[in-house]
Amino acid sequence: TQHHIHTEYYEVSGEAAGSINRARREGRRIIAVG
């Protein structure tokens, strides 16, 4: 818990956010690759 982890730039596009929200709303599995 005392380890300092550096920040990393990330981005979620509108298209990706829409796909994630639909899957979550419909109870479908979200599988993260990595």
PDB file of all heavy atoms in Angstrom:
ATOM      1  N   THR A   1       0.822  -1.211   0.000  1.00  0.00           N
ATOM      2  CA  THR A   1       0.000   0.000   0.000  1.00  0.00           C
ATOM      3  C   THR A   1       0.853   1.257   0.000  1.00  0.00           C
ATOM      4  O   THR A   1       0.356   2.343  -0.307  1.00  0.00           O
ATOM      5  CB  THR A   1      -0.950   0.026   1.211  1.00  0.00           C
ATOM      6  OG1 THR A   1      -0.175   0.083   2.420  1.00  0.00           O
ATOM      7  CG2 THR A   1      -1.834  -1.203   1.231  1.00  0.00           C
ATOM      8  N   GLN A   2       2.153   1.129   0.327  1.00  0.00           N
ATOM      9  CA  GLN A   2       3.052   2.273   0.325  1.00  0.00           C
ATOM     10  C   GLN A   2       3.806   2.408  -0.998  1.00  0.00           C
ATOM     11  O   GLN A   2       4.604   3.327  -1.159  1.00  0.00           O
ATOM     12  CB  GLN A   2       4.059   2.145   1.469  1.00  0.00           C
ATOM     13  CG  GLN A   2       3.418   2.107   2.848  1.00  0.00           C
ATOM     14  CD  GLN A   2       2.562   3.336   3.114  1.00  0.00           C
ATOM     15  OE1 GLN A   2       3.017   4.470   2.938  1.00  0.00           O
ATOM     16  NE2 GLN A   2       1.319   3.113   3.526  1.00  0.00           N
ATOM     17  N   HIS A   3       3.547   1.484  -1.922  1.00  0.00           N
ATOM     18  CA  HIS A   3       4.238   1.520  -3.219  1.00  0.00           C
ATOM     19  C   HIS A   3       3.654   2.642  -4.072  1.00  0.00           C
ATOM     20  O   HIS A   3       2.439   2.793  -4.186  1.00  0.00           O
ATOM     21  CB  HIS A   3       4.077   0.177  -3.933  1.00  0.00           C
ATOM     22  CG  HIS A   3       4.675   0.136  -5.303  1.00  0.00           C
ATOM     23  ND1 HIS A   3       6.030   0.112  -5.524  1.00  0.00           N
ATOM     24  CD2 HIS A   3       4.088   0.113  -6.533  1.00  0.00           C
ATOM     25  CE1 HIS A   3       6.262   0.063  -6.821  1.00  0.00           C
ATOM     26  NE2 HIS A   3       5.106   0.064  -7.454  1.00  0.00           N
ATOM     27  N   HIS A   4       4.531   3.415  -4.694  1.00  0.00           N
ATOM     28  CA  HIS A   4       4.096   4.509  -5.567  1.00  0.00           C
ATOM     29  C   HIS A   4       4.034   4.011  -6.999  1.00  0.00           C
ATOM     30  O   HIS A   4       5.038   3.580  -7.555  1.00  0.00           O
ATOM     31  CB  HIS A   4       5.059   5.697  -5.469  1.00  0.00           C
ATOM     32  CG  HIS A   4       4.735   6.803  -6.440  1.00  0.00           C
ATOM     33  ND1 HIS A   4       3.621   7.601  -6.298  1.00  0.00           N
ATOM     34  CD2 HIS A   4       5.366   7.222  -7.558  1.00  0.00           C
ATOM     35  CE1 HIS A   4       3.582   8.481  -7.292  1.00  0.00           C
ATOM     36  NE2 HIS A   4       4.632   8.259  -8.078  1.00  0.00           N
ATOM     37  N   ILE A   5       2.844   4.046  -7.591  1.00  0.00           N
ATOM     38  CA  ILE A   5       2.689   3.627  -8.974  1.00  0.00           C
ATOM     39  C   ILE A   5       2.466   4.875  -9.825  1.00  0.00           C
ATOM     40  O   ILE A   5       1.667   5.762  -9.482  1.00  0.00           O
ATOM     41  CB  ILE A   5       1.515   2.634  -9.125  1.00  0.00           C
ATOM     42  CG1 ILE A   5       1.495   2.031 -10.531  1.00  0.00           C
ATOM     43  CG2 ILE A   5       0.188   3.259  -8.781  1.00  0.00           C
ATOM     44  CD1 ILE A   5       0.572   0.828 -10.656  1.00  0.00           C
ATOM     45  N   HIS A   6       3.222   4.973 -10.919  1.00  0.00           N
ATOM     46  CA  HIS A   6       3.128   6.156 -11.764  1.00  0.00           C
ATOM     47  C   HIS A   6       1.819   6.165 -12.550  1.00  0.00           C
ATOM     48  O   HIS A   6       1.201   5.129 -12.793  1.00  0.00           O
ATOM     49  CB  HIS A   6       4.305   6.216 -12.732  1.00  0.00           C
ATOM     50  CG  HIS A   6       5.591   6.626 -12.080  1.00  0.00           C
ATOM     51  ND1 HIS A   6       6.493   5.706 -11.584  1.00  0.00           N
ATOM     52  CD2 HIS A   6       6.117   7.844 -11.829  1.00  0.00           C
ATOM     53  CE1 HIS A   6       7.532   6.344 -11.064  1.00  0.00           C
ATOM     54  NE2 HIS A   6       7.325   7.638 -11.199  1.00  0.00           N
ATOM     55  N   THR A   7       1.411   7.353 -12.948  1.00  0.00           N
ATOM     56  CA  THR A   7       0.198   7.488 -13.748  1.00  0.00           C
ATOM     57  C   THR A   7       0.487   7.098 -15.199  1.00  0.00           C
ATOM     58  O   THR A   7       1.613   7.167 -15.673  1.00  0.00           O
ATOM     59  CB  THR A   7      -0.330   8.922 -13.697  1.00  0.00           C
ATOM     60  OG1 THR A   7       0.659   9.814 -14.231  1.00  0.00           O
ATOM     61  CG2 THR A   7      -0.660   9.331 -12.269  1.00  0.00           C
ATOM     62  N   GLU A   8      -0.563   6.676 -15.886  1.00  0.00           N
ATOM     63  CA  GLU A   8      -0.479   6.312 -17.295  1.00  0.00           C
ATOM     64  C   GLU A   8      -1.680   6.921 -18.014  1.00  0.00           C
ATOM     65  O   GLU A   8      -2.811   6.846 -17.527  1.00  0.00           O
ATOM     66  CB  GLU A   8      -0.469   4.789 -17.468  1.00  0.00           C
ATOM     67  CG  GLU A   8       0.758   4.109 -16.864  1.00  0.00           C
ATOM     68  CD  GLU A   8       0.646   2.604 -16.821  1.00  0.00           C
ATOM     69  OE1 GLU A   8      -0.432   2.096 -16.448  1.00  0.00           O
ATOM     70  OE2 GLU A   8       1.627   1.924 -17.153  1.00  0.00           O
ATOM     71  N   TYR A   9      -1.435   7.493 -19.174  1.00  0.00           N
ATOM     72  CA  TYR A   9      -2.518   8.115 -19.952  1.00  0.00           C
ATOM     73  C   TYR A   9      -3.489   7.043 -20.443  1.00  0.00           C
ATOM     74  O   TYR A   9      -3.083   5.988 -20.933  1.00  0.00           O
ATOM     75  CB  TYR A   9      -1.939   8.863 -21.155  1.00  0.00           C
ATOM     76  CG  TYR A   9      -2.994   9.362 -22.121  1.00  0.00           C
ATOM     77  CD1 TYR A   9      -3.640  10.581 -21.903  1.00  0.00           C
ATOM     78  CD2 TYR A   9      -3.361   8.607 -23.233  1.00  0.00           C
ATOM     79  CE1 TYR A   9      -4.612  11.034 -22.782  1.00  0.00           C
ATOM     80  CE2 TYR A   9      -4.337   9.053 -24.113  1.00  0.00           C
ATOM     81  CZ  TYR A   9      -4.960  10.260 -23.886  1.00  0.00           C
ATOM     82  OH  TYR A   9      -5.930  10.697 -24.755  1.00  0.00           O
ATOM     83  N   TYR A  10      -4.782   7.327 -20.314  1.00  0.00           N
ATOM     84  CA  TYR A  10      -5.780   6.404 -20.853  1.00  0.00           C
ATOM     85  C   TYR A  10      -6.911   7.182 -21.504  1.00  0.00           C
ATOM     86  O   TYR A  10      -7.124   8.374 -21.242  1.00  0.00           O
ATOM     87  CB  TYR A  10      -6.324   5.465 -19.776  1.00  0.00           C
ATOM     88  CG  TYR A  10      -7.311   6.084 -18.806  1.00  0.00           C
ATOM     89  CD1 TYR A  10      -8.679   5.905 -18.971  1.00  0.00           C
ATOM     90  CD2 TYR A  10      -6.879   6.844 -17.722  1.00  0.00           C
ATOM     91  CE1 TYR A  10      -9.594   6.458 -18.073  1.00  0.00           C
ATOM     92  CE2 TYR A  10      -7.774   7.389 -16.823  1.00  0.00           C
ATOM     93  CZ  TYR A  10      -9.134   7.198 -17.007  1.00  0.00           C
ATOM     94  OH  TYR A  10     -10.034   7.756 -16.125  1.00  0.00           O
ATOM     95  N   GLU A  11      -7.640   6.494 -22.355  1.00  0.00           N
ATOM     96  CA  GLU A  11      -8.740   7.118 -23.092  1.00  0.00           C
ATOM     97  C   GLU A  11      -9.838   6.091 -23.337  1.00  0.00           C
ATOM     98  O   GLU A  11      -9.568   4.953 -23.715  1.00  0.00           O
ATOM     99  CB  GLU A  11      -8.236   7.664 -24.433  1.00  0.00           C
ATOM    100  CG  GLU A  11      -9.321   8.294 -25.291  1.00  0.00           C
ATOM    101  CD  GLU A  11      -8.776   8.859 -26.588  1.00  0.00           C
ATOM    102  OE1 GLU A  11      -7.532   8.970 -26.728  1.00  0.00           O
ATOM    103  OE2 GLU A  11      -9.597   9.174 -27.472  1.00  0.00           O
ATOM    104  N   VAL A  12     -11.065   6.515 -23.096  1.00  0.00           N
ATOM    105  CA  VAL A  12     -12.246   5.737 -23.454  1.00  0.00           C
ATOM    106  C   VAL A  12     -13.053   6.594 -24.411  1.00  0.00           C
ATOM    107  O   VAL A  12     -13.521   7.676 -24.040  1.00  0.00           O
ATOM    108  CB  VAL A  12     -13.094   5.366 -22.220  1.00  0.00           C
ATOM    109  CG1 VAL A  12     -14.326   4.571 -22.636  1.00  0.00           C
ATOM    110  CG2 VAL A  12     -12.264   4.572 -21.210  1.00  0.00           C
ATOM    111  N   SER A  13     -13.208   6.148 -25.631  1.00  0.00           N
ATOM    112  CA  SER A  13     -13.936   6.915 -26.639  1.00  0.00           C
ATOM    113  C   SER A  13     -15.435   6.819 -26.399  1.00  0.00           C
ATOM    114  O   SER A  13     -15.915   5.969 -25.640  1.00  0.00           O
ATOM    115  CB  SER A  13     -13.608   6.398 -28.037  1.00  0.00           C
ATOM    116  OG  SER A  13     -14.122   5.075 -28.208  1.00  0.00           O
ATOM    117  N   GLY A  14     -16.180   7.669 -27.076  1.00  0.00           N
ATOM    118  CA  GLY A  14     -17.629   7.607 -26.974  1.00  0.00           C
ATOM    119  C   GLY A  14     -18.185   6.280 -27.468  1.00  0.00           C
ATOM    120  O   GLY A  14     -19.130   5.727 -26.900  1.00  0.00           O
ATOM    121  N   GLU A  15     -17.572   5.747 -28.536  1.00  0.00           N
ATOM    122  CA  GLU A  15     -18.015   4.459 -29.075  1.00  0.00           C
ATOM    123  C   GLU A  15     -17.781   3.336 -28.080  1.00  0.00           C
ATOM    124  O   GLU A  15     -18.654   2.495 -27.845  1.00  0.00           O
ATOM    125  CB  GLU A  15     -17.278   4.172 -30.379  1.00  0.00           C
ATOM    126  CG  GLU A  15     -17.682   2.862 -31.034  1.00  0.00           C
ATOM    127  CD  GLU A  15     -16.939   2.607 -32.336  1.00  0.00           C
ATOM    128  OE1 GLU A  15     -16.047   3.414 -32.684  1.00  0.00           O
ATOM    129  OE2 GLU A  15     -17.242   1.591 -33.001  1.00  0.00           O
ATOM    130  N   ALA A  16     -16.591   3.319 -27.459  1.00  0.00           N
ATOM    131  CA  ALA A  16     -16.284   2.276 -26.479  1.00  0.00           C
ATOM    132  C   ALA A  16     -17.187   2.403 -25.255  1.00  0.00           C
ATOM    133  O   ALA A  16     -17.699   1.402 -24.740  1.00  0.00           O
ATOM    134  CB  ALA A  16     -14.813   2.348 -26.068  1.00  0.00           C
ATOM    135  N   ALA A  17     -17.379   3.632 -24.771  1.00  0.00           N
ATOM    136  CA  ALA A  17     -18.245   3.846 -23.608  1.00  0.00           C
ATOM    137  C   ALA A  17     -19.659   3.346 -23.891  1.00  0.00           C
ATOM    138  O   ALA A  17     -20.298   2.719 -23.036  1.00  0.00           O
ATOM    139  CB  ALA A  17     -18.255   5.323 -23.217  1.00  0.00           C
ATOM    140  N   GLY A  18     -20.152   3.607 -25.114  1.00  0.00           N
ATOM    141  CA  GLY A  18     -21.486   3.145 -25.479  1.00  0.00           C
ATOM    142  C   GLY A  18     -21.594   1.629 -25.463  1.00  0.00           C
ATOM    143  O   GLY A  18     -22.572   1.065 -24.965  1.00  0.00           O
ATOM    144  N   SER A  19     -20.567   0.947 -25.994  1.00  0.00           N
ATOM    145  CA  SER A  19     -20.581  -0.516 -26.006  1.00  0.00           C
ATOM    146  C   SER A  19     -20.552  -1.074 -24.595  1.00  0.00           C
ATOM    147  O   SER A  19     -21.262  -2.036 -24.271  1.00  0.00           O
ATOM    148  CB  SER A  19     -19.378  -1.042 -26.792  1.00  0.00           C
ATOM    149  OG  SER A  19     -19.452  -0.663 -28.155  1.00  0.00           O
ATOM    150  N   ILE A  20     -19.727  -0.474 -23.733  1.00  0.00           N
ATOM    151  CA  ILE A  20     -19.617  -0.937 -22.350  1.00  0.00           C
ATOM    152  C   ILE A  20     -20.931  -0.722 -21.604  1.00  0.00           C
ATOM    153  O   ILE A  20     -21.416  -1.602 -20.884  1.00  0.00           O
ATOM    154  CB  ILE A  20     -18.452  -0.221 -21.643  1.00  0.00           C
ATOM    155  CG1 ILE A  20     -17.111  -0.638 -22.275  1.00  0.00           C
ATOM    156  CG2 ILE A  20     -18.454  -0.509 -20.146  1.00  0.00           C
ATOM    157  CD1 ILE A  20     -15.961   0.283 -21.946  1.00  0.00           C
ATOM    158  N   ASN A  21     -21.535   0.443 -21.791  1.00  0.00           N
ATOM    159  CA  ASN A  21     -22.794   0.742 -21.099  1.00  0.00           C
ATOM    160  C   ASN A  21     -23.914  -0.193 -21.539  1.00  0.00           C
ATOM    161  O   ASN A  21     -24.707  -0.664 -20.712  1.00  0.00           O
ATOM    162  CB  ASN A  21     -23.195   2.194 -21.353  1.00  0.00           C
ATOM    163  CG  ASN A  21     -22.295   3.180 -20.629  1.00  0.00           C
ATOM    164  OD1 ASN A  21     -21.750   2.875 -19.577  1.00  0.00           O
ATOM    165  ND2 ASN A  21     -22.118   4.361 -21.195  1.00  0.00           N
ATOM    166  N   ARG A  22     -23.981  -0.491 -22.836  1.00  0.00           N
ATOM    167  CA  ARG A  22     -25.025  -1.398 -23.324  1.00  0.00           C
ATOM    168  C   ARG A  22     -24.836  -2.799 -22.755  1.00  0.00           C
ATOM    169  O   ARG A  22     -25.808  -3.439 -22.316  1.00  0.00           O
ATOM    170  CB  ARG A  22     -25.020  -1.444 -24.853  1.00  0.00           C
ATOM    171  CG  ARG A  22     -25.623  -0.209 -25.515  1.00  0.00           C
ATOM    172  CD  ARG A  22     -25.849  -0.453 -26.997  1.00  0.00           C
ATOM    173  NE  ARG A  22     -24.596  -0.727 -27.693  1.00  0.00           N
ATOM    174  CZ  ARG A  22     -23.790   0.205 -28.185  1.00  0.00           C
ATOM    175  NH1 ARG A  22     -24.106   1.492 -28.036  1.00  0.00           N
ATOM    176  NH2 ARG A  22     -22.676  -0.118 -28.805  1.00  0.00           N
ATOM    177  N   ALA A  23     -23.594  -3.270 -22.756  1.00  0.00           N
ATOM    178  CA  ALA A  23     -23.328  -4.608 -22.212  1.00  0.00           C
ATOM    179  C   ALA A  23     -23.699  -4.681 -20.737  1.00  0.00           C
ATOM    180  O   ALA A  23     -24.307  -5.656 -20.275  1.00  0.00           O
ATOM    181  CB  ALA A  23     -21.858  -4.970 -22.414  1.00  0.00           C
ATOM    182  N   ARG A  24     -23.352  -3.646 -19.999  1.00  0.00           N
ATOM    183  CA  ARG A  24     -23.645  -3.626 -18.559  1.00  0.00           C
ATOM    184  C   ARG A  24     -25.152  -3.577 -18.322  1.00  0.00           C
ATOM    185  O   ARG A  24     -25.690  -4.294 -17.468  1.00  0.00           O
ATOM    186  CB  ARG A  24     -22.965  -2.400 -17.939  1.00  0.00           C
ATOM    187  CG  ARG A  24     -22.937  -2.404 -16.433  1.00  0.00           C
ATOM    188  CD  ARG A  24     -22.057  -3.519 -15.916  1.00  0.00           C
ATOM    189  NE  ARG A  24     -21.809  -3.366 -14.489  1.00  0.00           N
ATOM    190  CZ  ARG A  24     -21.206  -4.277 -13.769  1.00  0.00           C
ATOM    191  NH1 ARG A  24     -20.794  -5.389 -14.334  1.00  0.00           N
ATOM    192  NH2 ARG A  24     -21.003  -4.082 -12.487  1.00  0.00           N
ATOM    193  N   ARG A  25     -25.830  -2.758 -19.094  1.00  0.00           N
ATOM    194  CA  ARG A  25     -27.278  -2.595 -18.926  1.00  0.00           C
ATOM    195  C   ARG A  25     -28.023  -3.892 -19.249  1.00  0.00           C
ATOM    196  O   ARG A  25     -29.036  -4.218 -18.625  1.00  0.00           O
ATOM    197  CB  ARG A  25     -27.762  -1.465 -19.822  1.00  0.00           C
ATOM    198  CG  ARG A  25     -29.228  -1.105 -19.653  1.00  0.00           C
ATOM    199  CD  ARG A  25     -29.558   0.187 -20.370  1.00  0.00           C
ATOM    200  NE  ARG A  25     -29.244   0.124 -21.790  1.00  0.00           N
ATOM    201  CZ  ARG A  25     -28.279   0.826 -22.398  1.00  0.00           C
ATOM    202  NH1 ARG A  25     -27.518   1.640 -21.683  1.00  0.00           N
ATOM    203  NH2 ARG A  25     -28.075   0.731 -23.691  1.00  0.00           N
ATOM    204  N   GLU A  26     -27.489  -4.629 -20.229  1.00  0.00           N
ATOM    205  CA  GLU A  26     -28.161  -5.846 -20.680  1.00  0.00           C
ATOM    206  C   GLU A  26     -27.671  -7.094 -19.950  1.00  0.00           C
ATOM    207  O   GLU A  26     -28.089  -8.210 -20.266  1.00  0.00           O
ATOM    208  CB  GLU A  26     -27.951  -5.995 -22.192  1.00  0.00           C
ATOM    209  CG  GLU A  26     -28.618  -4.867 -22.980  1.00  0.00           C
ATOM    210  CD  GLU A  26     -28.149  -4.799 -24.436  1.00  0.00           C
ATOM    211  OE1 GLU A  26     -27.387  -5.713 -24.853  1.00  0.00           O
ATOM    212  OE2 GLU A  26     -28.529  -3.842 -25.132  1.00  0.00           O
ATOM    213  N   GLY A  27     -26.765  -6.917 -18.989  1.00  0.00           N
ATOM    214  CA  GLY A  27     -26.293  -8.049 -18.199  1.00  0.00           C
ATOM    215  C   GLY A  27     -25.350  -8.972 -18.945  1.00  0.00           C
ATOM    216  O   GLY A  27     -25.205 -10.151 -18.574  1.00  0.00           O
ATOM    217  N   ARG A  28     -24.663  -8.454 -19.971  1.00  0.00           N
ATOM    218  CA  ARG A  28     -23.706  -9.259 -20.723  1.00  0.00           C
ATOM    219  C   ARG A  28     -22.315  -9.178 -20.092  1.00  0.00           C
ATOM    220  O   ARG A  28     -21.986  -8.185 -19.455  1.00  0.00           O
ATOM    221  CB  ARG A  28     -23.653  -8.798 -22.179  1.00  0.00           C
ATOM    222  CG  ARG A  28     -24.971  -9.014 -22.907  1.00  0.00           C
ATOM    223  CD  ARG A  28     -24.857  -8.677 -24.392  1.00  0.00           C
ATOM    224  NE  ARG A  28     -24.984  -7.243 -24.643  1.00  0.00           N
ATOM    225  CZ  ARG A  28     -24.067  -6.496 -25.245  1.00  0.00           C
ATOM    226  NH1 ARG A  28     -22.907  -7.034 -25.611  1.00  0.00           N
ATOM    227  NH2 ARG A  28     -24.268  -5.213 -25.462  1.00  0.00           N
ATOM    228  N   ARG A  29     -21.519 -10.211 -20.284  1.00  0.00           N
ATOM    229  CA  ARG A  29     -20.178 -10.233 -19.683  1.00  0.00           C
ATOM    230  C   ARG A  29     -19.254  -9.223 -20.355  1.00  0.00           C
ATOM    231  O   ARG A  29     -19.246  -9.086 -21.578  1.00  0.00           O
ATOM    232  CB  ARG A  29     -19.548 -11.618 -19.804  1.00  0.00           C
ATOM    233  CG  ARG A  29     -20.051 -12.632 -18.848  1.00  0.00           C
ATOM    234  CD  ARG A  29     -19.098 -13.834 -18.763  1.00  0.00           C
ATOM    235  NE  ARG A  29     -18.825 -14.442 -20.075  1.00  0.00           N
ATOM    236  CZ  ARG A  29     -18.012 -15.474 -20.252  1.00  0.00           C
ATOM    237  NH1 ARG A  29     -17.385 -16.026 -19.219  1.00  0.00           N
ATOM    238  NH2 ARG A  29     -17.810 -15.978 -21.466  1.00  0.00           N
ATOM    239  N   ILE A  30     -18.447  -8.551 -19.536  1.00  0.00           N
ATOM    240  CA  ILE A  30     -17.389  -7.676 -20.025  1.00  0.00           C
ATOM    241  C   ILE A  30     -16.062  -8.366 -19.715  1.00  0.00           C
ATOM    242  O   ILE A  30     -15.740  -8.619 -18.555  1.00  0.00           O
ATOM    243  CB  ILE A  30     -17.459  -6.288 -19.374  1.00  0.00           C
ATOM    244  CG1 ILE A  30     -18.789  -5.603 -19.739  1.00  0.00           C
ATOM    245  CG2 ILE A  30     -16.267  -5.428 -19.801  1.00  0.00           C
ATOM    246  CD1 ILE A  30     -19.000  -4.275 -19.047  1.00  0.00           C
ATOM    247  N   ILE A  31     -15.309  -8.669 -20.771  1.00  0.00           N
ATOM    248  CA  ILE A  31     -14.064  -9.420 -20.635  1.00  0.00           C
ATOM    249  C   ILE A  31     -12.920  -8.507 -21.032  1.00  0.00           C
ATOM    250  O   ILE A  31     -12.811  -8.083 -22.186  1.00  0.00           O
ATOM    251  CB  ILE A  31     -14.089 -10.676 -21.531  1.00  0.00           C
ATOM    252  CG1 ILE A  31     -15.292 -11.552 -21.150  1.00  0.00           C
ATOM    253  CG2 ILE A  31     -12.778 -11.446 -21.406  1.00  0.00           C
ATOM    254  CD1 ILE A  31     -15.598 -12.636 -22.150  1.00  0.00           C
ATOM    255  N   ALA A  32     -12.068  -8.175 -20.078  1.00  0.00           N
ATOM    256  CA  ALA A  32     -10.927  -7.292 -20.331  1.00  0.00           C
ATOM    257  C   ALA A  32      -9.771  -8.120 -20.868  1.00  0.00           C
ATOM    258  O   ALA A  32      -9.393  -9.138 -20.283  1.00  0.00           O
ATOM    259  CB  ALA A  32     -10.512  -6.584 -19.049  1.00  0.00           C
ATOM    260  N   VAL A  33      -9.200  -7.680 -21.974  1.00  0.00           N
ATOM    261  CA  VAL A  33      -8.028  -8.333 -22.541  1.00  0.00           C
ATOM    262  C   VAL A  33      -6.799  -7.617 -22.002  1.00  0.00           C
ATOM    263  O   VAL A  33      -6.422  -6.547 -22.461  1.00  0.00           O
ATOM    264  CB  VAL A  33      -8.052  -8.310 -24.076  1.00  0.00           C
ATOM    265  CG1 VAL A  33      -6.777  -8.940 -24.644  1.00  0.00           C
ATOM    266  CG2 VAL A  33      -9.287  -9.049 -24.595  1.00  0.00           C
ATOM    267  N   GLY A  34      -6.211  -8.206 -20.962  1.00  0.00           N
ATOM    268  CA  GLY A  34      -5.010  -7.650 -20.353  1.00  0.00           C
ATOM    269  C   GLY A  34      -5.297  -6.805 -19.129  1.00  0.00           C
ATOM    270  O   GLY A  34      -6.371  -6.211 -18.974  1.00  0.00           O
TER     271      GLY A  34
END
